[in-house]
Amino acid sequence: MSQHISIRGLRAGYGTLAVVHDIDLDVRSGEVVALLGPNGAGKTTTLLTIAGILPRLGGSILWNGVDQHVPAHRRARSGVALVSERAVFRQLTVAGNLRLGLGEPSRALELFPELRPLLRRPAGLLSGGEQQILAMARALAANPAVLLLDELSLGLAPMVVNRLMDSVRRAADNGAAVMLIEQQVRRALAISERAYLINQGRVTASGTAEELRGELEVGSMSYYTSSPVRSPDQ
């Protein structure tokens, strides 16, 4: 099912403290939209609110024109997948992790056959790259309509990052609406149609990936290419 997500005037945060203010975003089926900005800008807060994990303090989250008020587990069952940094159940085996997903484990192994020899291994004993591949495989096995991704590449080898980014692009090409938080700006823009720059909880710029790549080349986006020490909200 195609999805058009429209975020209008979103205010969100923790308790009564707003971290993001008046956020407007759009993402449609078949496209990757990157959320870029420094650590602490409010990107993760925005993503968690879209997923239903954090309550919104104001504004609207529209899916195909319908405002969403259902909790996170119901959004997941309606086709929303959230993949954050190495979000695996460390005490369970790889096979056990895949069985907890909404999709068939066999589908996950078709997408990422490198997991097959690891099925009996506890996820906590996997490398960081293997854990991230496992988290992505579990999400993509369900063929999500909406894919929300938070810092897939953090601390991973370039070969693994390329593998993950390729899978993100394929998910969009297969019809998913993808929103991607990524500190590696060039990699994010290489697979995205559009991007938003967020700073201090507000959208400060937006444009096509091509436009923002041009700004990056002339150095006007250098502030967004740095990777300072991570804060609780990246």
C-alpha atoms as a PDB file:
ATOM      1  CA  MET A   1       0.000   0.000   0.000  1.00  0.00           C
ATOM      2  CA  SER A   2       1.373   3.397  -0.954  1.00  0.00           C
ATOM      3  CA  GLN A   3       2.009   5.904   1.783  1.00  0.00           C
ATOM      4  CA  HIS A   4       2.252   9.666   1.898  1.00  0.00           C
ATOM      5  CA  ILE A   5       3.401  10.893   5.284  1.00  0.00           C
ATOM      6  CA  SER A   6       2.816  14.550   6.059  1.00  0.00           C
ATOM      7  CA  ILE A   7       4.131  16.043   9.279  1.00  0.00           C
ATOM      8  CA  ARG A   8       2.695  19.468  10.040  1.00  0.00           C
ATOM      9  CA  GLY A   9       3.615  21.746  12.928  1.00  0.00           C
ATOM     10  CA  LEU A  10       5.019  18.864  14.977  1.00  0.00           C
ATOM     11  CA  ARG A  11       6.041  19.595  18.545  1.00  0.00           C
ATOM     12  CA  ALA A  12       7.546  16.704  20.469  1.00  0.00           C
ATOM     13  CA  GLY A  13       9.900  15.925  23.300  1.00  0.00           C
ATOM     14  CA  TYR A  14      10.081  14.302  26.696  1.00  0.00           C
ATOM     15  CA  GLY A  15       7.407  14.895  29.289  1.00  0.00           C
ATOM     16  CA  THR A  16       6.257  18.452  28.776  1.00  0.00           C
ATOM     17  CA  LEU A  17       9.636  19.619  27.466  1.00  0.00           C
ATOM     18  CA  ALA A  18       9.522  20.165  23.694  1.00  0.00           C
ATOM     19  CA  VAL A  19      12.699  19.303  21.798  1.00  0.00           C
ATOM     20  CA  VAL A  20      11.358  19.880  18.282  1.00  0.00           C
ATOM     21  CA  HIS A  21       9.141  22.765  17.253  1.00  0.00           C
ATOM     22  CA  ASP A  22       6.851  23.331  14.266  1.00  0.00           C
ATOM     23  CA  ILE A  23       8.412  20.592  12.130  1.00  0.00           C
ATOM     24  CA  ASP A  24       6.968  20.171   8.617  1.00  0.00           C
ATOM     25  CA  LEU A  25       8.102  17.084   6.652  1.00  0.00           C
ATOM     26  CA  ASP A  26       6.835  14.984   3.754  1.00  0.00           C
ATOM     27  CA  VAL A  27       7.866  11.557   2.497  1.00  0.00           C
ATOM     28  CA  ARG A  28       6.129   9.491  -0.185  1.00  0.00           C
ATOM     29  CA  SER A  29       6.211   5.890  -1.269  1.00  0.00           C
ATOM     30  CA  GLY A  30       9.247   5.115  -3.375  1.00  0.00           C
ATOM     31  CA  GLU A  31      11.519   7.823  -2.031  1.00  0.00           C
ATOM     32  CA  VAL A  32      14.241   8.158   0.581  1.00  0.00           C
ATOM     33  CA  VAL A  33      14.170  11.398   2.560  1.00  0.00           C
ATOM     34  CA  ALA A  34      17.203  12.186   4.711  1.00  0.00           C
ATOM     35  CA  LEU A  35      17.076  14.094   7.998  1.00  0.00           C
ATOM     36  CA  LEU A  36      20.435  15.786   8.445  1.00  0.00           C
ATOM     37  CA  GLY A  37      21.888  17.929  11.187  1.00  0.00           C
ATOM     38  CA  PRO A  38      24.254  17.986  14.141  1.00  0.00           C
ATOM     39  CA  ASN A  39      23.882  15.797  17.209  1.00  0.00           C
ATOM     40  CA  GLY A  40      21.210  17.097  19.536  1.00  0.00           C
ATOM     41  CA  ALA A  41      19.266  18.736  16.698  1.00  0.00           C
ATOM     42  CA  GLY A  42      16.061  16.767  17.359  1.00  0.00           C
ATOM     43  CA  LYS A  43      16.221  14.250  14.530  1.00  0.00           C
ATOM     44  CA  THR A  44      15.791  11.124  16.649  1.00  0.00           C
ATOM     45  CA  THR A  45      13.004  12.737  18.661  1.00  0.00           C
ATOM     46  CA  THR A  46      11.195  13.453  15.389  1.00  0.00           C
ATOM     47  CA  LEU A  47      11.597   9.866  14.188  1.00  0.00           C
ATOM     48  CA  LEU A  48      10.475   8.312  17.482  1.00  0.00           C
ATOM     49  CA  THR A  49       7.390  10.517  17.499  1.00  0.00           C
ATOM     50  CA  ILE A  50       6.471   9.489  13.950  1.00  0.00           C
ATOM     51  CA  ALA A  51       6.845   5.849  15.032  1.00  0.00           C
ATOM     52  CA  GLY A  52       4.529   6.447  17.999  1.00  0.00           C
ATOM     53  CA  ILE A  53       7.153   5.705  20.658  1.00  0.00           C
ATOM     54  CA  LEU A  54       7.101   9.292  21.916  1.00  0.00           C
ATOM     55  CA  PRO A  55       3.833  11.208  22.274  1.00  0.00           C
ATOM     56  CA  ARG A  56       3.493  14.384  20.295  1.00  0.00           C
ATOM     57  CA  LEU A  57       2.934  17.649  22.109  1.00  0.00           C
ATOM     58  CA  GLY A  58       1.316  19.351  19.141  1.00  0.00           C
ATOM     59  CA  GLY A  59       0.835  19.264  15.407  1.00  0.00           C
ATOM     60  CA  SER A  60      -0.280  16.432  13.154  1.00  0.00           C
ATOM     61  CA  ILE A  61       1.134  13.192  11.720  1.00  0.00           C
ATOM     62  CA  LEU A  62      -0.874  12.338   8.607  1.00  0.00           C
ATOM     63  CA  TRP A  63      -0.641   9.059   6.713  1.00  0.00           C
ATOM     64  CA  ASN A  64      -2.525   9.335   3.431  1.00  0.00           C
ATOM     65  CA  GLY A  65      -4.428  12.232   4.942  1.00  0.00           C
ATOM     66  CA  VAL A  66      -5.454  10.444   8.152  1.00  0.00           C
ATOM     67  CA  ASP A  67      -4.091  11.758  11.444  1.00  0.00           C
ATOM     68  CA  GLN A  68      -2.376   9.032  13.461  1.00  0.00           C
ATOM     69  CA  HIS A  69      -3.183   8.609  17.136  1.00  0.00           C
ATOM     70  CA  VAL A  70      -2.625   4.854  17.520  1.00  0.00           C
ATOM     71  CA  PRO A  71       0.227   3.488  19.699  1.00  0.00           C
ATOM     72  CA  ALA A  72       3.536   2.241  18.340  1.00  0.00           C
ATOM     73  CA  HIS A  73       2.629  -1.474  18.225  1.00  0.00           C
ATOM     74  CA  ARG A  74      -0.419  -0.769  16.068  1.00  0.00           C
ATOM     75  CA  ARG A  75       1.613   1.421  13.741  1.00  0.00           C
ATOM     76  CA  ALA A  76       4.102  -1.434  13.416  1.00  0.00           C
ATOM     77  CA  ARG A  77       1.349  -3.867  12.473  1.00  0.00           C
ATOM     78  CA  SER A  78       0.045  -1.405   9.897  1.00  0.00           C
ATOM     79  CA  GLY A  79       3.397  -1.424   8.131  1.00  0.00           C
ATOM     80  CA  VAL A  80       5.746   0.934   9.989  1.00  0.00           C
ATOM     81  CA  ALA A  81       9.256  -0.362  10.732  1.00  0.00           C
ATOM     82  CA  LEU A  82      11.782   1.467  12.914  1.00  0.00           C
ATOM     83  CA  VAL A  83      15.435   0.415  12.771  1.00  0.00           C
ATOM     84  CA  SER A  84      17.756   2.084  15.243  1.00  0.00           C
ATOM     85  CA  GLU A  85      21.400   1.439  16.083  1.00  0.00           C
ATOM     86  CA  ARG A  86      21.932  -2.319  16.549  1.00  0.00           C
ATOM     87  CA  ALA A  87      18.423  -2.867  17.905  1.00  0.00           C
ATOM     88  CA  VAL A  88      18.667  -6.613  18.520  1.00  0.00           C
ATOM     89  CA  PHE A  89      17.791  -8.903  21.401  1.00  0.00           C
ATOM     90  CA  ARG A  90      21.294  -9.758  22.479  1.00  0.00           C
ATOM     91  CA  GLN A  91      20.400 -12.807  24.583  1.00  0.00           C
ATOM     92  CA  LEU A  92      18.488 -14.462  21.728  1.00  0.00           C
ATOM     93  CA  THR A  93      20.003 -16.244  18.764  1.00  0.00           C
ATOM     94  CA  VAL A  94      19.886 -14.759  15.284  1.00  0.00           C
ATOM     95  CA  ALA A  95      17.049 -17.171  14.470  1.00  0.00           C
ATOM     96  CA  GLY A  96      15.191 -16.086  17.597  1.00  0.00           C
ATOM     97  CA  ASN A  97      15.532 -12.432  16.632  1.00  0.00           C
ATOM     98  CA  LEU A  98      14.157 -13.127  13.164  1.00  0.00           C
ATOM     99  CA  ARG A  99      11.179 -15.040  14.571  1.00  0.00           C
ATOM    100  CA  LEU A 100      10.219 -11.973  16.626  1.00  0.00           C
ATOM    101  CA  GLY A 101       9.808  -9.892  13.486  1.00  0.00           C
ATOM    102  CA  LEU A 102       6.528  -9.409  11.622  1.00  0.00           C
ATOM    103  CA  GLY A 103       7.924 -11.021   8.483  1.00  0.00           C
ATOM    104  CA  GLU A 104       8.990 -14.558   7.653  1.00  0.00           C
ATOM    105  CA  PRO A 105      12.573 -15.476   8.680  1.00  0.00           C
ATOM    106  CA  SER A 106      13.002 -17.114   5.275  1.00  0.00           C
ATOM    107  CA  ARG A 107      12.394 -13.746   3.627  1.00  0.00           C
ATOM    108  CA  ALA A 108      15.021 -12.129   5.868  1.00  0.00           C
ATOM    109  CA  LEU A 109      17.539 -14.778   4.826  1.00  0.00           C
ATOM    110  CA  GLU A 110      16.737 -14.210   1.150  1.00  0.00           C
ATOM    111  CA  LEU A 111      17.550 -10.534   1.594  1.00  0.00           C
ATOM    112  CA  PHE A 112      20.640 -11.128   3.737  1.00  0.00           C
ATOM    113  CA  PRO A 113      21.950 -14.673   3.137  1.00  0.00           C
ATOM    114  CA  GLU A 114      25.091 -13.853   5.134  1.00  0.00           C
ATOM    115  CA  LEU A 115      22.961 -14.377   8.259  1.00  0.00           C
ATOM    116  CA  ARG A 116      22.294 -18.046   7.464  1.00  0.00           C
ATOM    117  CA  PRO A 117      25.518 -19.455   9.004  1.00  0.00           C
ATOM    118  CA  LEU A 118      24.906 -17.293  12.088  1.00  0.00           C
ATOM    119  CA  LEU A 119      21.390 -18.525  12.909  1.00  0.00           C
ATOM    120  CA  ARG A 120      22.374 -20.363  16.100  1.00  0.00           C
ATOM    121  CA  ARG A 121      24.689 -17.651  17.382  1.00  0.00           C
ATOM    122  CA  PRO A 122      23.503 -15.312  20.180  1.00  0.00           C
ATOM    123  CA  ALA A 123      23.005 -11.835  18.735  1.00  0.00           C
ATOM    124  CA  GLY A 124      25.148 -10.393  21.512  1.00  0.00           C
ATOM    125  CA  LEU A 125      28.166 -12.241  20.090  1.00  0.00           C
ATOM    126  CA  LEU A 126      27.787 -10.777  16.610  1.00  0.00           C
ATOM    127  CA  SER A 127      29.953  -7.953  15.354  1.00  0.00           C
ATOM    128  CA  GLY A 128      28.433  -4.488  15.206  1.00  0.00           C
ATOM    129  CA  GLY A 129      27.929  -4.807  11.474  1.00  0.00           C
ATOM    130  CA  GLU A 130      26.263  -8.208  11.792  1.00  0.00           C
ATOM    131  CA  GLN A 131      23.926  -6.852  14.471  1.00  0.00           C
ATOM    132  CA  GLN A 132      22.887  -3.969  12.242  1.00  0.00           C
ATOM    133  CA  ILE A 133      22.316  -6.308   9.300  1.00  0.00           C
ATOM    134  CA  LEU A 134      20.178  -8.520  11.569  1.00  0.00           C
ATOM    135  CA  ALA A 135      18.065  -5.551  12.666  1.00  0.00           C
ATOM    136  CA  MET A 136      17.589  -4.470   9.064  1.00  0.00           C
ATOM    137  CA  ALA A 137      16.792  -8.002   7.867  1.00  0.00           C
ATOM    138  CA  ARG A 138      14.120  -8.414  10.548  1.00  0.00           C
ATOM    139  CA  ALA A 139      12.477  -5.126   9.505  1.00  0.00           C
ATOM    140  CA  LEU A 140      12.650  -5.614   5.737  1.00  0.00           C
ATOM    141  CA  ALA A 141      11.305  -9.177   5.899  1.00  0.00           C
ATOM    142  CA  ALA A 142       7.882  -7.690   6.646  1.00  0.00           C
ATOM    143  CA  ASN A 143       7.941  -5.522   3.499  1.00  0.00           C
ATOM    144  CA  PRO A 144       7.152  -2.355   5.474  1.00  0.00           C
ATOM    145  CA  ALA A 145       5.236   0.488   3.847  1.00  0.00           C
ATOM    146  CA  VAL A 146       7.109   2.991   6.019  1.00  0.00           C
ATOM    147  CA  LEU A 147      10.759   2.528   6.999  1.00  0.00           C
ATOM    148  CA  LEU A 148      12.265   4.801   9.669  1.00  0.00           C
ATOM    149  CA  LEU A 149      16.055   4.483  10.017  1.00  0.00           C
ATOM    150  CA  ASP A 150      18.266   5.983  12.716  1.00  0.00           C
ATOM    151  CA  GLU A 151      22.052   6.035  12.207  1.00  0.00           C
ATOM    152  CA  LEU A 152      22.619   2.761  10.369  1.00  0.00           C
ATOM    153  CA  SER A 153      26.272   3.458   9.618  1.00  0.00           C
ATOM    154  CA  LEU A 154      27.561   4.501  13.021  1.00  0.00           C
ATOM    155  CA  GLY A 155      30.898   2.808  13.742  1.00  0.00           C
ATOM    156  CA  LEU A 156      30.604   0.293  10.903  1.00  0.00           C
ATOM    157  CA  ALA A 157      33.061  -0.736   8.203  1.00  0.00           C
ATOM    158  CA  PRO A 158      32.530   0.828   4.760  1.00  0.00           C
ATOM    159  CA  MET A 159      31.646  -2.531   3.176  1.00  0.00           C
ATOM    160  CA  VAL A 160      28.834  -3.065   5.696  1.00  0.00           C
ATOM    161  CA  VAL A 161      27.614   0.507   5.273  1.00  0.00           C
ATOM    162  CA  ASN A 162      27.424   0.004   1.508  1.00  0.00           C
ATOM    163  CA  ARG A 163      25.430  -3.198   2.020  1.00  0.00           C
ATOM    164  CA  LEU A 164      22.949  -1.470   4.309  1.00  0.00           C
ATOM    165  CA  MET A 165      22.569   1.611   2.124  1.00  0.00           C
ATOM    166  CA  ASP A 166      21.926  -0.569  -0.916  1.00  0.00           C
ATOM    167  CA  SER A 167      19.152  -2.339   0.999  1.00  0.00           C
ATOM    168  CA  VAL A 168      17.609   1.011   1.955  1.00  0.00           C
ATOM    169  CA  ARG A 169      17.541   2.122  -1.663  1.00  0.00           C
ATOM    170  CA  ARG A 170      15.991  -1.182  -2.759  1.00  0.00           C
ATOM    171  CA  ALA A 171      13.283  -0.884  -0.106  1.00  0.00           C
ATOM    172  CA  ALA A 172      12.295   2.511  -1.505  1.00  0.00           C
ATOM    173  CA  ASP A 173      12.455   1.223  -5.079  1.00  0.00           C
ATOM    174  CA  ASN A 174      10.029  -1.514  -3.980  1.00  0.00           C
ATOM    175  CA  GLY A 175       7.571   1.125  -2.757  1.00  0.00           C
ATOM    176  CA  ALA A 176       8.485   1.919   0.849  1.00  0.00           C
ATOM    177  CA  ALA A 177       8.420   5.483   2.154  1.00  0.00           C
ATOM    178  CA  VAL A 178      11.822   5.843   3.826  1.00  0.00           C
ATOM    179  CA  MET A 179      13.017   8.450   6.320  1.00  0.00           C
ATOM    180  CA  LEU A 180      16.735   8.235   7.101  1.00  0.00           C
ATOM    181  CA  ILE A 181      18.814   9.859   9.840  1.00  0.00           C
ATOM    182  CA  GLU A 182      22.475   9.673   8.928  1.00  0.00           C
ATOM    183  CA  GLN A 183      25.641  11.506   9.973  1.00  0.00           C
ATOM    184  CA  GLN A 184      27.490  10.412   6.833  1.00  0.00           C
ATOM    185  CA  VAL A 185      25.913  13.133   4.735  1.00  0.00           C
ATOM    186  CA  ARG A 186      27.394  12.148   1.380  1.00  0.00           C
ATOM    187  CA  ARG A 187      26.244   8.554   1.746  1.00  0.00           C
ATOM    188  CA  ALA A 188      22.758   9.674   2.762  1.00  0.00           C
ATOM    189  CA  LEU A 189      22.390  12.082  -0.158  1.00  0.00           C
ATOM    190  CA  ALA A 190      23.671   9.454  -2.597  1.00  0.00           C
ATOM    191  CA  ILE A 191      20.558   7.300  -2.029  1.00  0.00           C
ATOM    192  CA  SER A 192      18.013  10.040  -1.247  1.00  0.00           C
ATOM    193  CA  GLU A 193      15.602  12.035  -3.370  1.00  0.00           C
ATOM    194  CA  ARG A 194      15.261  14.866  -0.873  1.00  0.00           C
ATOM    195  CA  ALA A 195      16.619  16.026   2.480  1.00  0.00           C
ATOM    196  CA  TYR A 196      15.772  18.287   5.397  1.00  0.00           C
ATOM    197  CA  LEU A 197      18.325  20.027   7.592  1.00  0.00           C
ATOM    198  CA  ILE A 198      17.340  20.219  11.256  1.00  0.00           C
ATOM    199  CA  ASN A 199      19.047  22.332  13.892  1.00  0.00           C
ATOM    200  CA  GLN A 200      17.946  23.191  17.423  1.00  0.00           C
ATOM    201  CA  GLY A 201      14.655  21.408  16.904  1.00  0.00           C
ATOM    202  CA  ARG A 202      13.605  23.220  13.738  1.00  0.00           C
ATOM    203  CA  VAL A 203      13.842  22.645  10.004  1.00  0.00           C
ATOM    204  CA  THR A 204      16.357  25.199   8.762  1.00  0.00           C
ATOM    205  CA  ALA A 205      16.579  24.152   5.092  1.00  0.00           C
ATOM    206  CA  SER A 206      15.282  21.573   2.645  1.00  0.00           C
ATOM    207  CA  GLY A 207      15.779  20.631  -0.971  1.00  0.00           C
ATOM    208  CA  THR A 208      16.515  17.868  -3.400  1.00  0.00           C
ATOM    209  CA  ALA A 209      19.504  15.631  -2.753  1.00  0.00           C
ATOM    210  CA  GLU A 210      21.149  17.057  -5.857  1.00  0.00           C
ATOM    211  CA  GLU A 211      20.751  20.637  -4.582  1.00  0.00           C
ATOM    212  CA  LEU A 212      22.195  19.767  -1.186  1.00  0.00           C
ATOM    213  CA  ARG A 213      25.071  17.824  -2.729  1.00  0.00           C
ATOM    214  CA  GLY A 214      25.927  20.995  -4.623  1.00  0.00           C
ATOM    215  CA  GLU A 215      25.955  22.998  -1.388  1.00  0.00           C
ATOM    216  CA  LEU A 216      28.123  20.334   0.192  1.00  0.00           C
ATOM    217  CA  GLU A 217      30.661  20.594  -2.615  1.00  0.00           C
ATOM    218  CA  VAL A 218      31.048  24.365  -2.157  1.00  0.00           C
ATOM    219  CA  GLY A 219      31.362  23.993   1.616  1.00  0.00           C
ATOM    220  CA  SER A 220      28.160  25.705   2.723  1.00  0.00           C
ATOM    221  CA  MET A 221      26.987  22.510   4.459  1.00  0.00           C
ATOM    222  CA  SER A 222      30.228  21.827   6.336  1.00  0.00           C
ATOM    223  CA  TYR A 223      28.425  22.303   9.651  1.00  0.00           C
ATOM    224  CA  TYR A 224      26.291  19.259   8.900  1.00  0.00           C
ATOM    225  CA  THR A 225      29.123  16.957   7.837  1.00  0.00           C
ATOM    226  CA  SER A 226      30.883  16.925  11.203  1.00  0.00           C
ATOM    227  CA  SER A 227      30.345  14.064  13.620  1.00  0.00           C
ATOM    228  CA  PRO A 228      30.762  15.402  17.163  1.00  0.00           C
ATOM    229  CA  VAL A 229      30.380  13.274  20.263  1.00  0.00           C
ATOM    230  CA  ARG A 230      26.896  11.773  20.297  1.00  0.00           C
ATOM    231  CA  SER A 231      24.280  13.130  22.656  1.00  0.00           C
ATOM    232  CA  PRO A 232      21.168  11.219  23.816  1.00  0.00           C
ATOM    233  CA  ASP A 233      19.246  12.723  20.894  1.00  0.00           C
ATOM    234  CA  GLN A 234      21.393  12.666  17.790  1.00  0.00           C
END
